[in-house]
N, C-alpha and C. Protein backbone atom coordinates (compact mmCIF):
# COMPACT_ATOMS: atom_id res chain seq x y z
N MET A 1 -45.37 22.75 181.31
CA MET A 1 -46.16 23.72 182.03
C MET A 1 -45.65 23.80 183.47
N SER A 2 -45.38 24.98 183.93
CA SER A 2 -44.87 25.14 185.29
C SER A 2 -46.02 25.12 186.29
N ASP A 3 -45.66 25.01 187.55
CA ASP A 3 -46.67 24.97 188.61
C ASP A 3 -47.51 26.24 188.64
N THR A 4 -46.90 27.37 188.31
CA THR A 4 -47.65 28.62 188.34
C THR A 4 -48.64 28.71 187.18
N GLU A 5 -48.40 27.96 186.11
CA GLU A 5 -49.30 27.98 184.96
C GLU A 5 -50.49 27.04 185.13
N ILE A 6 -50.37 26.06 186.01
CA ILE A 6 -51.45 25.11 186.21
C ILE A 6 -52.54 25.80 187.03
N LYS A 7 -53.74 25.86 186.45
CA LYS A 7 -54.86 26.49 187.13
C LYS A 7 -55.44 25.51 188.14
N LYS A 8 -55.48 25.91 189.39
CA LYS A 8 -56.03 25.04 190.43
C LYS A 8 -57.55 25.09 190.34
N MET A 9 -58.13 23.90 190.26
CA MET A 9 -59.59 23.81 190.18
C MET A 9 -60.16 23.97 191.59
N PRO A 10 -61.23 24.76 191.73
CA PRO A 10 -61.83 24.92 193.05
C PRO A 10 -62.44 23.62 193.56
N TYR A 11 -62.57 23.52 194.88
CA TYR A 11 -63.19 22.36 195.53
C TYR A 11 -62.50 21.05 195.19
N ASN A 12 -61.22 21.09 194.83
CA ASN A 12 -60.45 19.88 194.51
C ASN A 12 -61.05 19.06 193.38
N LEU A 13 -61.70 19.72 192.42
CA LEU A 13 -62.26 19.02 191.26
C LEU A 13 -61.12 18.62 190.35
N LYS A 14 -61.31 17.50 189.67
CA LYS A 14 -60.28 17.02 188.75
C LYS A 14 -60.87 16.98 187.35
N GLU A 15 -60.00 17.12 186.36
CA GLU A 15 -60.44 17.01 184.97
C GLU A 15 -60.94 15.60 184.73
N LYS A 16 -62.02 15.49 183.97
CA LYS A 16 -62.58 14.17 183.66
C LYS A 16 -61.70 13.47 182.64
N LYS A 17 -61.37 12.23 182.94
CA LYS A 17 -60.55 11.44 182.03
C LYS A 17 -61.44 10.41 181.35
N GLU A 18 -61.27 10.27 180.06
CA GLU A 18 -62.03 9.25 179.33
C GLU A 18 -61.37 7.90 179.56
N LYS A 19 -62.17 6.93 179.96
CA LYS A 19 -61.66 5.59 180.19
C LYS A 19 -62.42 4.63 179.28
N GLN A 20 -61.74 3.64 178.80
CA GLN A 20 -62.40 2.60 178.02
C GLN A 20 -62.27 1.28 178.77
N ALA A 21 -63.39 0.82 179.26
CA ALA A 21 -63.40 -0.46 179.96
C ALA A 21 -63.90 -1.52 179.00
N ALA A 22 -63.22 -2.64 178.97
CA ALA A 22 -63.55 -3.71 178.03
C ALA A 22 -64.98 -4.21 178.18
N TYR A 23 -65.46 -4.29 179.43
CA TYR A 23 -66.80 -4.86 179.65
C TYR A 23 -67.91 -3.98 179.07
N ARG A 24 -67.65 -2.69 178.81
CA ARG A 24 -68.68 -1.82 178.26
C ARG A 24 -69.15 -2.28 176.88
N SER A 25 -68.26 -2.90 176.14
CA SER A 25 -68.64 -3.35 174.80
C SER A 25 -69.49 -4.63 174.87
N LEU A 26 -69.61 -5.22 176.04
CA LEU A 26 -70.40 -6.45 176.20
C LEU A 26 -71.86 -6.17 176.55
N ILE A 27 -72.22 -4.91 176.68
CA ILE A 27 -73.59 -4.55 177.05
C ILE A 27 -74.52 -4.81 175.88
N ARG A 28 -75.59 -5.56 176.14
CA ARG A 28 -76.60 -5.78 175.10
C ARG A 28 -77.47 -4.52 175.00
N PRO A 29 -77.56 -3.91 173.81
CA PRO A 29 -78.30 -2.65 173.67
C PRO A 29 -79.75 -2.70 174.16
N GLU A 30 -80.46 -3.80 173.90
CA GLU A 30 -81.86 -3.89 174.34
C GLU A 30 -81.95 -3.86 175.86
N LEU A 31 -81.08 -4.61 176.52
CA LEU A 31 -81.09 -4.65 177.97
C LEU A 31 -80.66 -3.30 178.54
N ALA A 32 -79.69 -2.68 177.91
CA ALA A 32 -79.22 -1.37 178.36
C ALA A 32 -80.34 -0.34 178.24
N ASP A 33 -81.11 -0.38 177.15
CA ASP A 33 -82.22 0.55 176.98
C ASP A 33 -83.29 0.33 178.04
N GLU A 34 -83.56 -0.94 178.33
CA GLU A 34 -84.54 -1.28 179.35
C GLU A 34 -84.08 -0.78 180.73
N LEU A 35 -82.81 -1.01 181.04
CA LEU A 35 -82.27 -0.54 182.32
C LEU A 35 -82.25 0.99 182.38
N TYR A 36 -81.96 1.63 181.27
CA TYR A 36 -81.95 3.09 181.20
C TYR A 36 -83.31 3.63 181.64
N ASP A 37 -84.38 3.07 181.09
CA ASP A 37 -85.74 3.51 181.44
C ASP A 37 -86.03 3.25 182.92
N LYS A 38 -85.61 2.10 183.41
CA LYS A 38 -85.85 1.76 184.82
C LYS A 38 -85.04 2.66 185.75
N ILE A 39 -83.81 2.97 185.35
CA ILE A 39 -82.96 3.87 186.15
C ILE A 39 -83.62 5.24 186.24
N LEU A 40 -84.09 5.76 185.11
CA LEU A 40 -84.77 7.05 185.11
C LEU A 40 -86.00 7.02 186.02
N ASP A 41 -86.75 5.94 185.94
CA ASP A 41 -87.94 5.83 186.77
C ASP A 41 -87.58 5.87 188.26
N ILE A 42 -86.60 5.10 188.65
CA ILE A 42 -86.23 5.02 190.06
C ILE A 42 -85.55 6.30 190.54
N ILE A 43 -84.54 6.74 189.82
CA ILE A 43 -83.76 7.89 190.26
C ILE A 43 -84.54 9.19 190.14
N VAL A 44 -85.21 9.40 188.99
CA VAL A 44 -85.86 10.68 188.73
C VAL A 44 -87.33 10.70 189.18
N MET A 45 -88.12 9.77 188.65
CA MET A 45 -89.55 9.79 188.94
C MET A 45 -89.85 9.49 190.42
N GLN A 46 -89.15 8.53 190.97
CA GLN A 46 -89.34 8.21 192.39
C GLN A 46 -88.48 9.09 193.29
N LYS A 47 -87.68 9.95 192.68
CA LYS A 47 -86.82 10.92 193.37
C LYS A 47 -85.87 10.28 194.39
N LYS A 48 -85.31 9.12 194.02
CA LYS A 48 -84.37 8.45 194.91
C LYS A 48 -83.07 9.25 195.06
N TYR A 49 -82.82 10.18 194.12
CA TYR A 49 -81.61 11.01 194.24
C TYR A 49 -81.63 11.83 195.54
N LYS A 50 -82.81 12.04 196.11
CA LYS A 50 -82.91 12.80 197.37
C LYS A 50 -82.51 11.97 198.59
N ASP A 51 -82.44 10.66 198.42
CA ASP A 51 -82.09 9.76 199.52
C ASP A 51 -80.57 9.66 199.60
N VAL A 52 -80.01 10.26 200.63
CA VAL A 52 -78.56 10.30 200.80
C VAL A 52 -77.95 8.89 200.90
N ASN A 53 -78.76 7.92 201.31
CA ASN A 53 -78.26 6.55 201.48
C ASN A 53 -78.56 5.63 200.30
N TYR A 54 -79.14 6.15 199.23
CA TYR A 54 -79.48 5.29 198.09
C TYR A 54 -78.23 5.09 197.23
N SER A 55 -77.64 3.93 197.34
CA SER A 55 -76.36 3.63 196.69
C SER A 55 -76.54 2.93 195.35
N ALA A 56 -75.46 2.87 194.60
CA ALA A 56 -75.46 2.12 193.34
C ALA A 56 -75.74 0.65 193.64
N LYS A 57 -75.24 0.18 194.76
CA LYS A 57 -75.48 -1.21 195.16
C LYS A 57 -76.98 -1.46 195.36
N GLN A 58 -77.66 -0.52 196.00
CA GLN A 58 -79.10 -0.67 196.22
C GLN A 58 -79.87 -0.58 194.91
N LEU A 59 -79.47 0.33 194.02
CA LEU A 59 -80.12 0.45 192.72
C LEU A 59 -79.95 -0.84 191.92
N ALA A 60 -78.74 -1.39 191.93
CA ALA A 60 -78.48 -2.64 191.22
C ALA A 60 -79.37 -3.76 191.78
N LYS A 61 -79.50 -3.79 193.09
CA LYS A 61 -80.35 -4.80 193.74
C LYS A 61 -81.81 -4.61 193.29
N ASP A 62 -82.28 -3.36 193.28
CA ASP A 62 -83.66 -3.06 192.87
C ASP A 62 -83.90 -3.43 191.40
N LEU A 63 -82.85 -3.33 190.59
CA LEU A 63 -82.96 -3.65 189.16
C LEU A 63 -82.63 -5.11 188.86
N LYS A 64 -82.29 -5.85 189.91
CA LYS A 64 -81.91 -7.26 189.78
C LYS A 64 -80.73 -7.46 188.81
N THR A 65 -79.72 -6.64 189.01
CA THR A 65 -78.49 -6.75 188.24
C THR A 65 -77.33 -6.52 189.21
N ASN A 66 -76.10 -6.50 188.69
CA ASN A 66 -74.96 -6.24 189.57
C ASN A 66 -74.43 -4.82 189.34
N THR A 67 -73.63 -4.35 190.27
CA THR A 67 -73.16 -2.97 190.21
C THR A 67 -72.24 -2.71 189.02
N ARG A 68 -71.46 -3.69 188.63
CA ARG A 68 -70.57 -3.50 187.48
C ARG A 68 -71.37 -3.26 186.20
N TYR A 69 -72.40 -4.08 186.00
CA TYR A 69 -73.24 -3.93 184.81
C TYR A 69 -74.02 -2.61 184.88
N LEU A 70 -74.55 -2.30 186.05
CA LEU A 70 -75.26 -1.04 186.25
C LEU A 70 -74.34 0.14 185.93
N SER A 71 -73.14 0.09 186.43
CA SER A 71 -72.16 1.14 186.19
C SER A 71 -71.89 1.31 184.70
N ALA A 72 -71.75 0.20 183.98
CA ALA A 72 -71.50 0.25 182.54
C ALA A 72 -72.68 0.88 181.80
N VAL A 73 -73.89 0.53 182.20
CA VAL A 73 -75.09 1.10 181.56
C VAL A 73 -75.19 2.59 181.86
N VAL A 74 -74.99 2.98 183.10
CA VAL A 74 -75.06 4.39 183.46
C VAL A 74 -74.01 5.17 182.67
N ASN A 75 -72.81 4.62 182.59
CA ASN A 75 -71.75 5.29 181.87
C ASN A 75 -72.04 5.40 180.38
N SER A 76 -72.53 4.33 179.77
CA SER A 76 -72.76 4.36 178.32
C SER A 76 -74.02 5.15 177.95
N ARG A 77 -75.07 5.07 178.76
CA ARG A 77 -76.34 5.74 178.41
C ARG A 77 -76.43 7.17 178.92
N PHE A 78 -75.81 7.45 180.06
CA PHE A 78 -75.89 8.80 180.64
C PHE A 78 -74.60 9.59 180.46
N GLY A 79 -73.53 8.90 180.09
CA GLY A 79 -72.25 9.58 179.88
C GLY A 79 -71.59 10.06 181.15
N GLN A 80 -71.90 9.44 182.27
CA GLN A 80 -71.30 9.81 183.56
C GLN A 80 -71.43 8.65 184.54
N ASN A 81 -70.79 8.80 185.69
CA ASN A 81 -70.89 7.72 186.68
C ASN A 81 -72.13 7.92 187.55
N TYR A 82 -72.40 6.95 188.40
CA TYR A 82 -73.61 6.94 189.22
C TYR A 82 -73.72 8.19 190.10
N SER A 83 -72.65 8.53 190.82
CA SER A 83 -72.75 9.67 191.73
C SER A 83 -72.91 10.98 190.96
N SER A 84 -72.29 11.11 189.81
CA SER A 84 -72.48 12.32 188.99
C SER A 84 -73.92 12.42 188.49
N LEU A 85 -74.50 11.28 188.16
CA LEU A 85 -75.89 11.25 187.72
C LEU A 85 -76.81 11.74 188.85
N LEU A 86 -76.64 11.19 190.05
CA LEU A 86 -77.44 11.64 191.18
C LEU A 86 -77.23 13.12 191.46
N ASN A 87 -75.97 13.54 191.44
CA ASN A 87 -75.67 14.94 191.73
C ASN A 87 -76.29 15.88 190.70
N GLU A 88 -76.36 15.47 189.46
CA GLU A 88 -76.98 16.29 188.43
C GLU A 88 -78.44 16.60 188.80
N TYR A 89 -79.18 15.59 189.19
CA TYR A 89 -80.58 15.79 189.58
C TYR A 89 -80.70 16.54 190.90
N ARG A 90 -79.78 16.30 191.80
CA ARG A 90 -79.78 17.03 193.08
C ARG A 90 -79.56 18.53 192.83
N ILE A 91 -78.64 18.84 191.95
CA ILE A 91 -78.34 20.24 191.66
C ILE A 91 -79.52 20.91 190.96
N LYS A 92 -80.15 20.21 190.03
CA LYS A 92 -81.34 20.77 189.36
C LYS A 92 -82.40 21.12 190.39
N GLU A 93 -82.63 20.22 191.33
CA GLU A 93 -83.61 20.46 192.38
C GLU A 93 -83.17 21.61 193.28
N ALA A 94 -81.89 21.66 193.63
CA ALA A 94 -81.36 22.73 194.47
C ALA A 94 -81.54 24.09 193.80
N VAL A 95 -81.26 24.16 192.50
CA VAL A 95 -81.42 25.42 191.75
C VAL A 95 -82.88 25.87 191.82
N HIS A 96 -83.79 24.92 191.66
CA HIS A 96 -85.22 25.26 191.75
C HIS A 96 -85.55 25.81 193.14
N LEU A 97 -85.09 25.14 194.19
CA LEU A 97 -85.39 25.57 195.55
C LEU A 97 -84.75 26.92 195.88
N MET A 98 -83.54 27.13 195.40
CA MET A 98 -82.82 28.36 195.70
C MET A 98 -83.47 29.59 195.09
N THR A 99 -84.18 29.41 194.00
CA THR A 99 -84.77 30.56 193.30
C THR A 99 -86.29 30.63 193.46
N ASP A 100 -86.86 29.71 194.21
CA ASP A 100 -88.30 29.71 194.47
C ASP A 100 -88.54 30.54 195.73
N ARG A 101 -89.41 31.56 195.63
CA ARG A 101 -89.60 32.46 196.78
C ARG A 101 -90.15 31.74 198.01
N ARG A 102 -90.76 30.58 197.85
CA ARG A 102 -91.25 29.83 199.01
C ARG A 102 -90.12 29.28 199.86
N TYR A 103 -88.89 29.20 199.30
CA TYR A 103 -87.76 28.61 200.01
C TYR A 103 -86.64 29.63 200.28
N LEU A 104 -86.95 30.92 200.16
CA LEU A 104 -85.92 31.94 200.35
C LEU A 104 -85.38 31.98 201.77
N ASP A 105 -86.16 31.47 202.73
CA ASP A 105 -85.70 31.47 204.12
C ASP A 105 -84.79 30.28 204.42
N LYS A 106 -84.65 29.36 203.48
CA LYS A 106 -83.81 28.17 203.70
C LYS A 106 -82.34 28.51 203.47
N THR A 107 -81.49 27.97 204.34
CA THR A 107 -80.05 28.15 204.18
C THR A 107 -79.54 27.16 203.14
N MET A 108 -78.31 27.35 202.70
CA MET A 108 -77.71 26.41 201.75
C MET A 108 -77.59 25.02 202.37
N GLU A 109 -77.30 24.94 203.66
CA GLU A 109 -77.20 23.65 204.33
C GLU A 109 -78.55 22.93 204.33
N GLU A 110 -79.63 23.68 204.55
CA GLU A 110 -80.97 23.08 204.53
C GLU A 110 -81.33 22.59 203.13
N ILE A 111 -81.04 23.41 202.13
CA ILE A 111 -81.33 23.02 200.74
C ILE A 111 -80.49 21.80 200.37
N SER A 112 -79.23 21.83 200.76
CA SER A 112 -78.33 20.71 200.50
C SER A 112 -78.91 19.40 201.04
N ALA A 113 -79.39 19.43 202.27
CA ALA A 113 -79.98 18.24 202.90
C ALA A 113 -81.29 17.85 202.20
N MET A 114 -82.08 18.82 201.81
CA MET A 114 -83.37 18.55 201.16
C MET A 114 -83.21 17.80 199.84
N VAL A 115 -82.11 18.06 199.13
CA VAL A 115 -81.92 17.44 197.82
C VAL A 115 -81.05 16.19 197.86
N GLY A 116 -80.56 15.81 199.05
CA GLY A 116 -79.89 14.53 199.18
C GLY A 116 -78.38 14.53 199.35
N PHE A 117 -77.78 15.68 199.60
CA PHE A 117 -76.33 15.69 199.82
C PHE A 117 -76.03 15.35 201.27
N ALA A 118 -74.97 14.60 201.47
CA ALA A 118 -74.59 14.16 202.82
C ALA A 118 -73.97 15.29 203.63
N ASN A 119 -73.31 16.23 202.95
CA ASN A 119 -72.66 17.33 203.67
C ASN A 119 -72.50 18.55 202.78
N ARG A 120 -72.18 19.65 203.42
CA ARG A 120 -72.04 20.93 202.73
C ARG A 120 -70.94 20.90 201.67
N GLN A 121 -69.82 20.28 202.01
CA GLN A 121 -68.67 20.24 201.10
C GLN A 121 -69.03 19.55 199.77
N SER A 122 -69.69 18.40 199.85
CA SER A 122 -70.04 17.70 198.61
C SER A 122 -71.07 18.49 197.81
N PHE A 123 -71.98 19.18 198.49
CA PHE A 123 -72.96 20.03 197.80
C PHE A 123 -72.26 21.16 197.05
N TYR A 124 -71.37 21.87 197.73
CA TYR A 124 -70.69 22.99 197.10
C TYR A 124 -69.82 22.54 195.93
N ALA A 125 -69.12 21.43 196.10
CA ALA A 125 -68.26 20.92 195.01
C ALA A 125 -69.10 20.51 193.80
N ALA A 126 -70.19 19.77 194.04
CA ALA A 126 -71.05 19.33 192.94
C ALA A 126 -71.74 20.52 192.28
N PHE A 127 -72.15 21.49 193.08
CA PHE A 127 -72.82 22.66 192.54
C PHE A 127 -71.87 23.43 191.62
N TYR A 128 -70.67 23.66 192.11
CA TYR A 128 -69.68 24.39 191.31
C TYR A 128 -69.35 23.64 190.02
N LYS A 129 -69.20 22.35 190.12
CA LYS A 129 -68.88 21.52 188.95
C LYS A 129 -69.99 21.60 187.91
N ASN A 130 -71.25 21.56 188.34
CA ASN A 130 -72.38 21.58 187.42
C ASN A 130 -72.77 22.97 186.94
N MET A 131 -72.63 23.96 187.81
CA MET A 131 -73.15 25.30 187.50
C MET A 131 -72.08 26.35 187.25
N GLY A 132 -70.83 26.06 187.62
CA GLY A 132 -69.75 27.03 187.40
C GLY A 132 -69.81 28.21 188.35
N ASP A 133 -70.53 28.07 189.43
CA ASP A 133 -70.67 29.14 190.42
C ASP A 133 -70.91 28.50 191.78
N THR A 134 -70.71 29.26 192.83
CA THR A 134 -71.04 28.75 194.16
C THR A 134 -72.55 28.84 194.36
N PRO A 135 -73.09 28.06 195.28
CA PRO A 135 -74.53 28.16 195.52
C PRO A 135 -74.98 29.57 195.93
N ASN A 136 -74.24 30.20 196.83
CA ASN A 136 -74.61 31.56 197.26
C ASN A 136 -74.49 32.56 196.11
N GLY A 137 -73.44 32.43 195.33
CA GLY A 137 -73.27 33.32 194.17
C GLY A 137 -74.40 33.14 193.17
N TYR A 138 -74.76 31.91 192.92
CA TYR A 138 -75.85 31.62 191.99
C TYR A 138 -77.16 32.19 192.52
N ARG A 139 -77.43 31.97 193.77
CA ARG A 139 -78.70 32.44 194.37
C ARG A 139 -78.80 33.97 194.27
N LYS A 140 -77.73 34.66 194.58
CA LYS A 140 -77.75 36.13 194.52
C LYS A 140 -78.05 36.63 193.11
N LYS A 141 -77.48 35.96 192.12
CA LYS A 141 -77.68 36.37 190.72
C LYS A 141 -79.07 36.03 190.20
N HIS A 142 -79.72 35.03 190.79
CA HIS A 142 -80.98 34.52 190.24
C HIS A 142 -82.18 34.67 191.16
N LEU A 143 -82.05 35.49 192.19
CA LEU A 143 -83.20 35.73 193.06
C LEU A 143 -84.31 36.41 192.28
N PRO A 144 -85.56 36.13 192.62
CA PRO A 144 -86.65 36.88 191.98
C PRO A 144 -86.42 38.38 192.20
N LYS A 145 -86.71 39.19 191.20
CA LYS A 145 -86.39 40.63 191.19
C LYS A 145 -86.80 41.35 192.48
N THR A 146 -87.98 41.07 193.01
CA THR A 146 -88.46 41.78 194.19
C THR A 146 -87.75 41.35 195.47
N GLU A 147 -87.00 40.24 195.42
CA GLU A 147 -86.36 39.71 196.64
C GLU A 147 -84.92 40.19 196.80
N LYS A 148 -84.32 40.75 195.74
CA LYS A 148 -82.90 41.13 195.82
C LYS A 148 -82.74 42.27 196.82
N LYS A 149 -81.63 42.17 197.55
CA LYS A 149 -81.36 43.19 198.57
C LYS A 149 -80.15 43.99 198.20
């Protein structure tokens, strides 16, 4: 394939590569299921995904485990890494805010900060990766009918 045939991914996104780490097979299913429920509780129910400083290290500490084991559980149970998991919930929240008429006056930067992104670039990249569109493009297509200009 020549350079002209290679399609450049926007926002410097890379194709996901499947990796097999040996330690993943050492996960005890019962413990993984228990951690899965606790991860959902902390990340989703307590909305820790909105905290820009809530790291995998902090989550592992809260769950009384280590980051390697946490990473293996997140990967095996959610099918993605920690930051992708957080970004998934951040984007879901952003989509809700972008199309809710109560937040139509908010800029993309404000929405980005409200859902836990550290900066505009990471928000736009994660949004495009998850939604296949830019935040502004998505908002224009999904505005409530009476709000479109």
